[in-house]
PDB file of N, CA and C in Angstrom:
ATOM      1  N   MET A   1    -135.127  91.871  -2.398  1.00  0.00           N
ATOM      2  CA  MET A   1    -135.359  93.087  -1.664  1.00  0.00           C
ATOM      3  C   MET A   1    -134.562  93.040  -0.364  1.00  0.00           C
ATOM      4  N   CYS A   2    -133.973  94.160   0.021  1.00  0.00           N
ATOM      5  CA  CYS A   2    -133.220  94.263   1.262  1.00  0.00           C
ATOM      6  C   CYS A   2    -134.135  94.771   2.358  1.00  0.00           C
ATOM      7  N   LEU A   3    -134.122  94.090   3.495  1.00  0.00           N
ATOM      8  CA  LEU A   3    -134.964  94.487   4.608  1.00  0.00           C
ATOM      9  C   LEU A   3    -134.115  94.928   5.778  1.00  0.00           C
ATOM     10  N   GLY A   4    -134.493  96.028   6.384  1.00  0.00           N
ATOM     11  CA  GLY A   4    -133.904  96.448   7.646  1.00  0.00           C
ATOM     12  C   GLY A   4    -134.856  96.050   8.756  1.00  0.00           C
ATOM     13  N   ILE A   5    -134.333  95.430   9.788  1.00  0.00           N
ATOM     14  CA  ILE A   5    -135.147  94.948  10.896  1.00  0.00           C
ATOM     15  C   ILE A   5    -134.927  95.870  12.100  1.00  0.00           C
ATOM     16  N   PRO A   6    -135.998  96.352  12.732  1.00  0.00           N
ATOM     17  CA  PRO A   6    -135.827  97.204  13.903  1.00  0.00           C
ATOM     18  C   PRO A   6    -135.484  96.387  15.139  1.00  0.00           C
ATOM     19  N   GLY A   7    -134.613  96.940  15.964  1.00  0.00           N
ATOM     20  CA  GLY A   7    -134.244  96.289  17.211  1.00  0.00           C
ATOM     21  C   GLY A   7    -133.899  97.317  18.267  1.00  0.00           C
ATOM     22  N   ARG A   8    -133.923  96.884  19.541  1.00  0.00           N
ATOM     23  CA  ARG A   8    -133.625  97.766  20.669  1.00  0.00           C
ATOM     24  C   ARG A   8    -132.205  97.500  21.154  1.00  0.00           C
ATOM     25  N   VAL A   9    -131.429  98.549  21.280  1.00  0.00           N
ATOM     26  CA  VAL A   9    -130.045  98.442  21.739  1.00  0.00           C
ATOM     27  C   VAL A   9    -130.056  98.143  23.236  1.00  0.00           C
ATOM     28  N   THR A  10    -129.384  97.051  23.635  1.00  0.00           N
ATOM     29  CA  THR A  10    -129.338  96.682  25.050  1.00  0.00           C
ATOM     30  C   THR A  10    -127.980  96.968  25.676  1.00  0.00           C
ATOM     31  N   THR A  11    -126.921  96.963  24.876  1.00  0.00           N
ATOM     32  CA  THR A  11    -125.584  97.314  25.371  1.00  0.00           C
ATOM     33  C   THR A  11    -124.789  97.928  24.228  1.00  0.00           C
ATOM     34  N   THR A  12    -123.811  98.742  24.582  1.00  0.00           N
ATOM     35  CA  THR A  12    -122.870  99.272  23.595  1.00  0.00           C
ATOM     36  C   THR A  12    -121.463  99.066  24.133  1.00  0.00           C
ATOM     37  N   TYR A  13    -120.506  98.887  23.220  1.00  0.00           N
ATOM     38  CA  TYR A  13    -119.114  98.689  23.607  1.00  0.00           C
ATOM     39  C   TYR A  13    -118.234  98.913  22.387  1.00  0.00           C
ATOM     40  N   ARG A  14    -116.955  99.014  22.611  1.00  0.00           N
ATOM     41  CA  ARG A  14    -115.989  99.155  21.518  1.00  0.00           C
ATOM     42  C   ARG A  14    -115.278  97.830  21.318  1.00  0.00           C
ATOM     43  N   GLU A  15    -115.155  97.440  20.078  1.00  0.00           N
ATOM     44  CA  GLU A  15    -114.416  96.226  19.722  1.00  0.00           C
ATOM     45  C   GLU A  15    -113.463  96.608  18.603  1.00  0.00           C
ATOM     46  N   HIS A  16    -112.152  96.539  18.883  1.00  0.00           N
ATOM     47  CA  HIS A  16    -111.138  96.960  17.910  1.00  0.00           C
ATOM     48  C   HIS A  16    -111.419  98.378  17.426  1.00  0.00           C
ATOM     49  N   ASP A  17    -111.788  99.241  18.356  1.00  0.00           N
ATOM     50  CA  ASP A  17    -112.075 100.655  18.117  1.00  0.00           C
ATOM     51  C   ASP A  17    -113.287 100.897  17.213  1.00  0.00           C
ATOM     52  N   VAL A  18    -114.180  99.923  17.115  1.00  0.00           N
ATOM     53  CA  VAL A  18    -115.423 100.054  16.344  1.00  0.00           C
ATOM     54  C   VAL A  18    -116.582  99.999  17.335  1.00  0.00           C
ATOM     55  N   LEU A  19    -117.517 100.946  17.213  1.00  0.00           N
ATOM     56  CA  LEU A  19    -118.690 100.952  18.092  1.00  0.00           C
ATOM     57  C   LEU A  19    -119.590  99.772  17.745  1.00  0.00           C
ATOM     58  N   MET A  20    -119.795  98.908  18.727  1.00  0.00           N
ATOM     59  CA  MET A  20    -120.612  97.705  18.563  1.00  0.00           C
ATOM     60  C   MET A  20    -121.681  97.708  19.652  1.00  0.00           C
ATOM     61  N   GLY A  21    -122.612  96.805  19.542  1.00  0.00           N
ATOM     62  CA  GLY A  21    -123.621  96.666  20.573  1.00  0.00           C
ATOM     63  C   GLY A  21    -124.375  95.371  20.435  1.00  0.00           C
ATOM     64  N   LYS A  22    -125.147  95.094  21.446  1.00  0.00           N
ATOM     65  CA  LYS A  22    -126.065  93.970  21.410  1.00  0.00           C
ATOM     66  C   LYS A  22    -127.434  94.575  21.169  1.00  0.00           C
ATOM     67  N   VAL A  23    -128.145  94.071  20.171  1.00  0.00           N
ATOM     68  CA  VAL A  23    -129.461  94.587  19.804  1.00  0.00           C
ATOM     69  C   VAL A  23    -130.463  93.448  19.923  1.00  0.00           C
ATOM     70  N   GLU A  24    -131.586  93.741  20.558  1.00  0.00           N
ATOM     71  CA  GLU A  24    -132.628  92.736  20.779  1.00  0.00           C
ATOM     72  C   GLU A  24    -133.737  92.896  19.757  1.00  0.00           C
ATOM     73  N   PHE A  25    -134.098  91.776  19.171  1.00  0.00           N
ATOM     74  CA  PHE A  25    -135.187  91.714  18.198  1.00  0.00           C
ATOM     75  C   PHE A  25    -136.273  90.829  18.793  1.00  0.00           C
ATOM     76  N   GLY A  26    -137.134  91.411  19.628  1.00  0.00           N
ATOM     77  CA  GLY A  26    -138.227  90.644  20.218  1.00  0.00           C
ATOM     78  C   GLY A  26    -137.776  89.453  21.018  1.00  0.00           C
ATOM     79  N   GLY A  27    -136.720  89.598  21.814  1.00  0.00           N
ATOM     80  CA  GLY A  27    -136.251  88.512  22.665  1.00  0.00           C
ATOM     81  C   GLY A  27    -135.006  87.815  22.162  1.00  0.00           C
ATOM     82  N   ILE A  28    -134.621  88.070  20.930  1.00  0.00           N
ATOM     83  CA  ILE A  28    -133.407  87.471  20.376  1.00  0.00           C
ATOM     84  C   ILE A  28    -132.364  88.569  20.236  1.00  0.00           C
ATOM     85  N   ALA A  29    -131.202  88.366  20.853  1.00  0.00           N
ATOM     86  CA  ALA A  29    -130.151  89.386  20.821  1.00  0.00           C
ATOM     87  C   ALA A  29    -129.089  89.012  19.799  1.00  0.00           C
ATOM     88  N   ARG A  30    -128.619  90.020  19.081  1.00  0.00           N
ATOM     89  CA  ARG A  30    -127.568  89.832  18.072  1.00  0.00           C
ATOM     90  C   ARG A  30    -126.513  90.923  18.240  1.00  0.00           C
ATOM     91  N   LYS A  31    -125.291  90.582  17.888  1.00  0.00           N
ATOM     92  CA  LYS A  31    -124.194  91.546  17.860  1.00  0.00           C
ATOM     93  C   LYS A  31    -124.345  92.388  16.595  1.00  0.00           C
ATOM     94  N   VAL A  32    -124.261  93.732  16.753  1.00  0.00           N
ATOM     95  CA  VAL A  32    -124.510  94.648  15.640  1.00  0.00           C
ATOM     96  C   VAL A  32    -123.456  95.748  15.654  1.00  0.00           C
ATOM     97  N   CYS A  33    -123.002  96.134  14.482  1.00  0.00           N
ATOM     98  CA  CYS A  33    -122.111  97.276  14.342  1.00  0.00           C
ATOM     99  C   CYS A  33    -122.950  98.549  14.423  1.00  0.00           C
ATOM    100  N   LEU A  34    -122.570  99.454  15.331  1.00  0.00           N
ATOM    101  CA  LEU A  34    -123.309 100.698  15.543  1.00  0.00           C
ATOM    102  C   LEU A  34    -122.557 101.914  15.025  1.00  0.00           C
ATOM    103  N   GLU A  35    -121.501 101.703  14.297  1.00  0.00           N
ATOM    104  CA  GLU A  35    -120.629 102.789  13.850  1.00  0.00           C
ATOM    105  C   GLU A  35    -121.360 103.837  13.008  1.00  0.00           C
ATOM    106  N   HIS A  36    -122.412 103.455  12.294  1.00  0.00           N
ATOM    107  CA  HIS A  36    -123.156 104.405  11.457  1.00  0.00           C
ATOM    108  C   HIS A  36    -124.150 105.247  12.258  1.00  0.00           C
ATOM    109  N   VAL A  37    -124.343 104.910  13.526  1.00  0.00           N
ATOM    110  CA  VAL A  37    -125.237 105.672  14.412  1.00  0.00           C
ATOM    111  C   VAL A  37    -124.482 105.979  15.712  1.00  0.00           C
ATOM    112  N   PRO A  38    -123.427 106.797  15.637  1.00  0.00           N
ATOM    113  CA  PRO A  38    -122.537 107.000  16.779  1.00  0.00           C
ATOM    114  C   PRO A  38    -123.194 107.628  18.004  1.00  0.00           C
ATOM    115  N   ASP A  39    -124.355 108.272  17.849  1.00  0.00           N
ATOM    116  CA  ASP A  39    -125.041 108.880  18.986  1.00  0.00           C
ATOM    117  C   ASP A  39    -126.046 107.946  19.649  1.00  0.00           C
ATOM    118  N   VAL A  40    -126.049 106.668  19.256  1.00  0.00           N
ATOM    119  CA  VAL A  40    -127.005 105.705  19.794  1.00  0.00           C
ATOM    120  C   VAL A  40    -126.729 105.456  21.277  1.00  0.00           C
ATOM    121  N   GLU A  41    -127.804 105.226  22.011  1.00  0.00           N
ATOM    122  CA  GLU A  41    -127.714 104.929  23.436  1.00  0.00           C
ATOM    123  C   GLU A  41    -128.528 103.677  23.741  1.00  0.00           C
ATOM    124  N   VAL A  42    -128.253 103.075  24.898  1.00  0.00           N
ATOM    125  CA  VAL A  42    -129.018 101.909  25.342  1.00  0.00           C
ATOM    126  C   VAL A  42    -130.498 102.304  25.387  1.00  0.00           C
ATOM    127  N   ASP A  43    -131.345 101.399  24.927  1.00  0.00           N
ATOM    128  CA  ASP A  43    -132.804 101.535  24.825  1.00  0.00           C
ATOM    129  C   ASP A  43    -133.260 102.301  23.592  1.00  0.00           C
ATOM    130  N   ASP A  44    -132.336 102.797  22.762  1.00  0.00           N
ATOM    131  CA  ASP A  44    -132.720 103.366  21.470  1.00  0.00           C
ATOM    132  C   ASP A  44    -133.081 102.235  20.526  1.00  0.00           C
ATOM    133  N   TYR A  45    -133.896 102.533  19.531  1.00  0.00           N
ATOM    134  CA  TYR A  45    -134.230 101.572  18.486  1.00  0.00           C
ATOM    135  C   TYR A  45    -133.447 101.927  17.233  1.00  0.00           C
ATOM    136  N   VAL A  46    -132.952 100.893  16.565  1.00  0.00           N
ATOM    137  CA  VAL A  46    -132.184 101.080  15.334  1.00  0.00           C
ATOM    138  C   VAL A  46    -132.736 100.159  14.254  1.00  0.00           C
ATOM    139  N   LEU A  47    -132.510 100.546  13.021  1.00  0.00           N
ATOM    140  CA  LEU A  47    -132.882  99.732  11.871  1.00  0.00           C
ATOM    141  C   LEU A  47    -131.620  99.006  11.431  1.00  0.00           C
ATOM    142  N   VAL A  48    -131.642  97.666  11.435  1.00  0.00           N
ATOM    143  CA  VAL A  48    -130.451  96.848  11.208  1.00  0.00           C
ATOM    144  C   VAL A  48    -130.588  96.063   9.906  1.00  0.00           C
ATOM    145  N   HIS A  49    -129.526  96.079   9.134  1.00  0.00           N
ATOM    146  CA  HIS A  49    -129.444  95.279   7.910  1.00  0.00           C
ATOM    147  C   HIS A  49    -128.091  94.591   7.892  1.00  0.00           C
ATOM    148  N   VAL A  50    -128.086  93.296   7.744  1.00  0.00           N
ATOM    149  CA  VAL A  50    -126.898  92.431   7.695  1.00  0.00           C
ATOM    150  C   VAL A  50    -125.858  92.796   8.753  1.00  0.00           C
ATOM    151  N   GLY A  51    -126.314  93.011   9.988  1.00  0.00           N
ATOM    152  CA  GLY A  51    -125.405  93.237  11.097  1.00  0.00           C
ATOM    153  C   GLY A  51    -124.947  94.669  11.301  1.00  0.00           C
ATOM    154  N   PHE A  52    -125.493  95.605  10.529  1.00  0.00           N
ATOM    155  CA  PHE A  52    -125.136  97.009  10.654  1.00  0.00           C
ATOM    156  C   PHE A  52    -126.380  97.831  10.962  1.00  0.00           C
ATOM    157  N   ALA A  53    -126.309  98.643  12.012  1.00  0.00           N
ATOM    158  CA  ALA A  53    -127.395  99.580  12.299  1.00  0.00           C
ATOM    159  C   ALA A  53    -127.257 100.744  11.331  1.00  0.00           C
ATOM    160  N   LEU A  54    -128.299 101.002  10.557  1.00  0.00           N
ATOM    161  CA  LEU A  54    -128.243 102.036   9.528  1.00  0.00           C
ATOM    162  C   LEU A  54    -128.805 103.370   9.988  1.00  0.00           C
ATOM    163  N   SER A  55    -129.775 103.333  10.916  1.00  0.00           N
ATOM    164  CA  SER A  55    -130.364 104.573  11.413  1.00  0.00           C
ATOM    165  C   SER A  55    -131.098 104.300  12.713  1.00  0.00           C
ATOM    166  N   LYS A  56    -131.336 105.377  13.456  1.00  0.00           N
ATOM    167  CA  LYS A  56    -132.160 105.288  14.653  1.00  0.00           C
ATOM    168  C   LYS A  56    -133.610 105.524  14.249  1.00  0.00           C
ATOM    169  N   ILE A  57    -134.529 104.821  14.926  1.00  0.00           N
ATOM    170  CA  ILE A  57    -135.960 105.027  14.721  1.00  0.00           C
ATOM    171  C   ILE A  57    -136.632 105.041  16.087  1.00  0.00           C
ATOM    172  N   ASP A  58    -137.860 105.553  16.143  1.00  0.00           N
ATOM    173  CA  ASP A  58    -138.548 105.548  17.432  1.00  0.00           C
ATOM    174  C   ASP A  58    -139.271 104.215  17.643  1.00  0.00           C
ATOM    175  N   GLU A  59    -139.702 103.996  18.877  1.00  0.00           N
ATOM    176  CA  GLU A  59    -140.317 102.721  19.246  1.00  0.00           C
ATOM    177  C   GLU A  59    -141.598 102.439  18.463  1.00  0.00           C
ATOM    178  N   ASP A  60    -142.416 103.461  18.218  1.00  0.00           N
ATOM    179  CA  ASP A  60    -143.648 103.257  17.461  1.00  0.00           C
ATOM    180  C   ASP A  60    -143.355 102.776  16.043  1.00  0.00           C
ATOM    181  N   GLU A  61    -142.367 103.405  15.405  1.00  0.00           N
ATOM    182  CA  GLU A  61    -141.980 102.988  14.053  1.00  0.00           C
ATOM    183  C   GLU A  61    -141.442 101.557  14.065  1.00  0.00           C
ATOM    184  N   ALA A  62    -140.633 101.223  15.071  1.00  0.00           N
ATOM    185  CA  ALA A  62    -140.099  99.860  15.191  1.00  0.00           C
ATOM    186  C   ALA A  62    -141.242  98.853  15.276  1.00  0.00           C
ATOM    187  N   ASN A  63    -142.247  99.151  16.092  1.00  0.00           N
ATOM    188  CA  ASN A  63    -143.380  98.234  16.225  1.00  0.00           C
ATOM    189  C   ASN A  63    -144.171  98.109  14.930  1.00  0.00           C
ATOM    190  N   ARG A  64    -144.356  99.213  14.204  1.00  0.00           N
ATOM    191  CA  ARG A  64    -145.072  99.155  12.919  1.00  0.00           C
ATOM    192  C   ARG A  64    -144.306  98.293  11.912  1.00  0.00           C
ATOM    193  N   VAL A  65    -142.992  98.450  11.857  1.00  0.00           N
ATOM    194  CA  VAL A  65    -142.188  97.654  10.921  1.00  0.00           C
ATOM    195  C   VAL A  65    -142.234  96.182  11.295  1.00  0.00           C
ATOM    196  N   PHE A  66    -142.076  95.859  12.597  1.00  0.00           N
ATOM    197  CA  PHE A  66    -142.166  94.455  13.034  1.00  0.00           C
ATOM    198  C   PHE A  66    -143.501  93.840  12.631  1.00  0.00           C
ATOM    199  N   GLU A  67    -144.584  94.566  12.870  1.00  0.00           N
ATOM    200  CA  GLU A  67    -145.913  94.044  12.532  1.00  0.00           C
ATOM    201  C   GLU A  67    -146.037  93.810  11.028  1.00  0.00           C
ATOM    202  N   PHE A  68    -145.554  94.741  10.236  1.00  0.00           N
ATOM    203  CA  PHE A  68    -145.594  94.581   8.785  1.00  0.00           C
ATOM    204  C   PHE A  68    -144.777  93.355   8.351  1.00  0.00           C
ATOM    205  N   LEU A  69    -143.566  93.224   8.865  1.00  0.00           N
ATOM    206  CA  LEU A  69    -142.720  92.084   8.491  1.00  0.00           C
ATOM    207  C   LEU A  69    -143.317  90.757   8.961  1.00  0.00           C
ATOM    208  N   ARG A  70    -143.945  90.772  10.140  1.00  0.00           N
ATOM    209  CA  ARG A  70    -144.591  89.553  10.640  1.00  0.00           C
ATOM    210  C   ARG A  70    -145.715  89.129   9.695  1.00  0.00           C
ATOM    211  N   ARG A  71    -146.528  90.107   9.270  1.00  0.00           N
ATOM    212  CA  ARG A  71    -147.627  89.790   8.350  1.00  0.00           C
ATOM    213  C   ARG A  71    -147.121  89.305   6.996  1.00  0.00           C
ATOM    214  N   MET A  72    -145.941  89.755   6.600  1.00  0.00           N
ATOM    215  CA  MET A  72    -145.349  89.351   5.317  1.00  0.00           C
ATOM    216  C   MET A  72    -144.510  88.079   5.451  1.00  0.00           C
ATOM    217  N   ASN A  73    -144.477  87.472   6.654  1.00  0.00           N
ATOM    218  CA  ASN A  73    -143.675  86.270   6.911  1.00  0.00           C
ATOM    219  C   ASN A  73    -142.207  86.476   6.557  1.00  0.00           C
ATOM    220  N   GLN A  74    -141.650  87.616   6.955  1.00  0.00           N
ATOM    221  CA  GLN A  74    -140.265  87.953   6.634  1.00  0.00           C
ATOM    222  C   GLN A  74    -139.345  87.930   7.850  1.00  0.00           C
ATOM    223  N   LEU A  75    -139.750  87.268   8.929  1.00  0.00           N
ATOM    224  CA  LEU A  75    -138.960  87.284  10.155  1.00  0.00           C
ATOM    225  C   LEU A  75    -138.314  85.940  10.478  1.00  0.00           C
ATOM    226  N   ASP A  76    -138.313  85.019   9.538  1.00  0.00           N
ATOM    227  CA  ASP A  76    -137.775  83.681   9.779  1.00  0.00           C
ATOM    228  C   ASP A  76    -136.304  83.699  10.186  1.00  0.00           C
ATOM    229  N   ASP A  77    -135.510  84.606   9.637  1.00  0.00           N
ATOM    230  CA  ASP A  77    -134.080  84.646   9.934  1.00  0.00           C
ATOM    231  C   ASP A  77    -133.773  84.976  11.385  1.00  0.00           C
ATOM    232  N   LEU A  78    -134.717  85.563  12.089  1.00  0.00           N
ATOM    233  CA  LEU A  78    -134.483  85.874  13.491  1.00  0.00           C
ATOM    234  C   LEU A  78    -134.512  84.636  14.364  1.00  0.00           C
ATOM    235  N   GLY A  79    -135.143  83.575  13.890  1.00  0.00           N
ATOM    236  CA  GLY A  79    -135.192  82.348  14.672  1.00  0.00           C
ATOM    237  C   GLY A  79    -136.235  82.376  15.768  1.00  0.00           C
ATOM    238  N   SER A  80    -137.187  83.282  15.665  1.00  0.00           N
ATOM    239  CA  SER A  80    -138.229  83.399  16.679  1.00  0.00           C
ATOM    240  C   SER A  80    -139.581  83.335  15.997  1.00  0.00           C
ATOM    241  N   PRO A  81    -140.514  82.558  16.542  1.00  0.00           N
ATOM    242  CA  PRO A  81    -141.828  82.482  15.920  1.00  0.00           C
ATOM    243  C   PRO A  81    -142.604  83.786  15.994  1.00  0.00           C
ATOM    244  N   ASP A  82    -142.370  84.621  17.025  1.00  0.00           N
ATOM    245  CA  ASP A  82    -143.111  85.872  17.150  1.00  0.00           C
ATOM    246  C   ASP A  82    -142.233  86.948  17.763  1.00  0.00           C
ATOM    247  N   PRO A  83    -141.493  87.697  16.937  1.00  0.00           N
ATOM    248  CA  PRO A  83    -140.605  88.721  17.478  1.00  0.00           C
ATOM    249  C   PRO A  83    -141.325  89.859  18.166  1.00  0.00           C
ATOM    250  N   LEU A  84    -142.643  89.952  18.044  1.00  0.00           N
ATOM    251  CA  LEU A  84    -143.381  90.994  18.742  1.00  0.00           C
ATOM    252  C   LEU A  84    -143.679  90.608  20.185  1.00  0.00           C
ATOM    253  N   ALA A  85    -143.411  89.355  20.541  1.00  0.00           N
ATOM    254  CA  ALA A  85    -143.678  88.918  21.904  1.00  0.00           C
ATOM    255  C   ALA A  85    -142.818  89.729  22.866  1.00  0.00           C
ATOM    256  N   GLU A  86    -143.461  90.252  23.884  1.00  0.00           N
ATOM    257  CA  GLU A  86    -142.769  91.081  24.862  1.00  0.00           C
ATOM    258  C   GLU A  86    -142.187  90.224  25.968  1.00  0.00           C
ATOM    259  N   ALA A  87    -141.093  90.689  26.551  1.00  0.00           N
ATOM    260  CA  ALA A  87    -140.529  90.054  27.731  1.00  0.00           C
ATOM    261  C   ALA A  87    -141.469  90.324  28.902  1.00  0.00           C
ATOM    262  N   PRO A  88    -141.482  89.446  29.896  1.00  0.00           N
ATOM    263  CA  PRO A  88    -142.317  89.702  31.067  1.00  0.00           C
ATOM    264  C   PRO A  88    -141.924  91.037  31.695  1.00  0.00           C
ATOM    265  N   PRO A  89    -142.883  91.740  32.300  1.00  0.00           N
ATOM    266  CA  PRO A  89    -142.581  93.037  32.901  1.00  0.00           C
ATOM    267  C   PRO A  89    -141.399  92.943  33.853  1.00  0.00           C
ATOM    268  N   GLY A  90    -140.498  93.910  33.745  1.00  0.00           N
ATOM    269  CA  GLY A  90    -139.337  93.962  34.626  1.00  0.00           C
ATOM    270  C   GLY A  90    -138.203  93.054  34.222  1.00  0.00           C
ATOM    271  N   GLN A  91    -138.360  92.295  33.139  1.00  0.00           N
ATOM    272  CA  GLN A  91    -137.291  91.399  32.718  1.00  0.00           C
ATOM    273  C   GLN A  91    -136.804  91.809  31.344  1.00  0.00           C
ATOM    274  N   ARG A  92    -135.585  92.328  31.267  1.00  0.00           N
ATOM    275  CA  ARG A  92    -134.990  92.769  30.029  1.00  0.00           C
ATOM    276  C   ARG A  92    -134.071  91.675  29.512  1.00  0.00           C
ATOM    277  N   SER A  93    -133.632  91.823  28.276  1.00  0.00           N
ATOM    278  CA  SER A  93    -132.771  90.805  27.682  1.00  0.00           C
ATOM    279  C   SER A  93    -131.502  90.599  28.488  1.00  0.00           C
ATOM    280  N   THR A  94    -130.929  91.671  29.016  1.00  0.00           N
ATOM    281  CA  THR A  94    -129.692  91.518  29.782  1.00  0.00           C
ATOM    282  C   THR A  94    -129.964  90.743  31.058  1.00  0.00           C
ATOM    283  N   ASP A  95    -131.196  90.870  31.641  1.00  0.00           N
ATOM    284  CA  ASP A  95    -131.552  90.099  32.818  1.00  0.00           C
ATOM    285  C   ASP A  95    -131.649  88.618  32.459  1.00  0.00           C
ATOM    286  N   ARG A  96    -132.263  88.314  31.321  1.00  0.00           N
ATOM    287  CA  ARG A  96    -132.404  86.912  30.921  1.00  0.00           C
ATOM    288  C   ARG A  96    -131.062  86.299  30.629  1.00  0.00           C
ATOM    289  N   GLU A  97    -130.172  87.051  29.949  1.00  0.00           N
ATOM    290  CA  GLU A  97    -128.849  86.515  29.607  1.00  0.00           C
ATOM    291  C   GLU A  97    -128.047  86.241  30.870  1.00  0.00           C
ATOM    292  N   ALA A  98    -128.162  87.113  31.864  1.00  0.00           N
ATOM    293  CA  ALA A  98    -127.405  86.946  33.102  1.00  0.00           C
ATOM    294  C   ALA A  98    -127.890  85.731  33.879  1.00  0.00           C
ATOM    295  N   SER A  99    -129.176  85.385  33.740  1.00  0.00           N
ATOM    296  CA  SER A  99    -129.698  84.241  34.485  1.00  0.00           C
ATOM    297  C   SER A  99    -129.524  82.936  33.738  1.00  0.00           C
ATOM    298  N   SER A 100    -129.052  82.996  32.489  1.00  0.00           N
ATOM    299  CA  SER A 100    -128.860  81.771  31.709  1.00  0.00           C
ATOM    300  C   SER A 100    -127.583  81.073  32.078  1.00  0.00           C
TER     301      SER A 100
END
């Protein structure tokens, strides 16, 4: 079965004229192709499969999907024990990356 994982877009940029971005999955950021969702903006949620954002979704839907996948033990590939864990208030992924 193919699973799309919801994530929050933290940055967007062009790489070789392809829309790319950094997407956060509960504290873990990955490089993602955003070309299929050209109207995406920072802080939007997208559904990602094998490095490609396939569609935009709202935050509530993203949280429901994360919870479902967590209960099904399908989040091992993210490398995080609990992708639903929130960052401390006021600290976003880009803040953590800059301080690393």
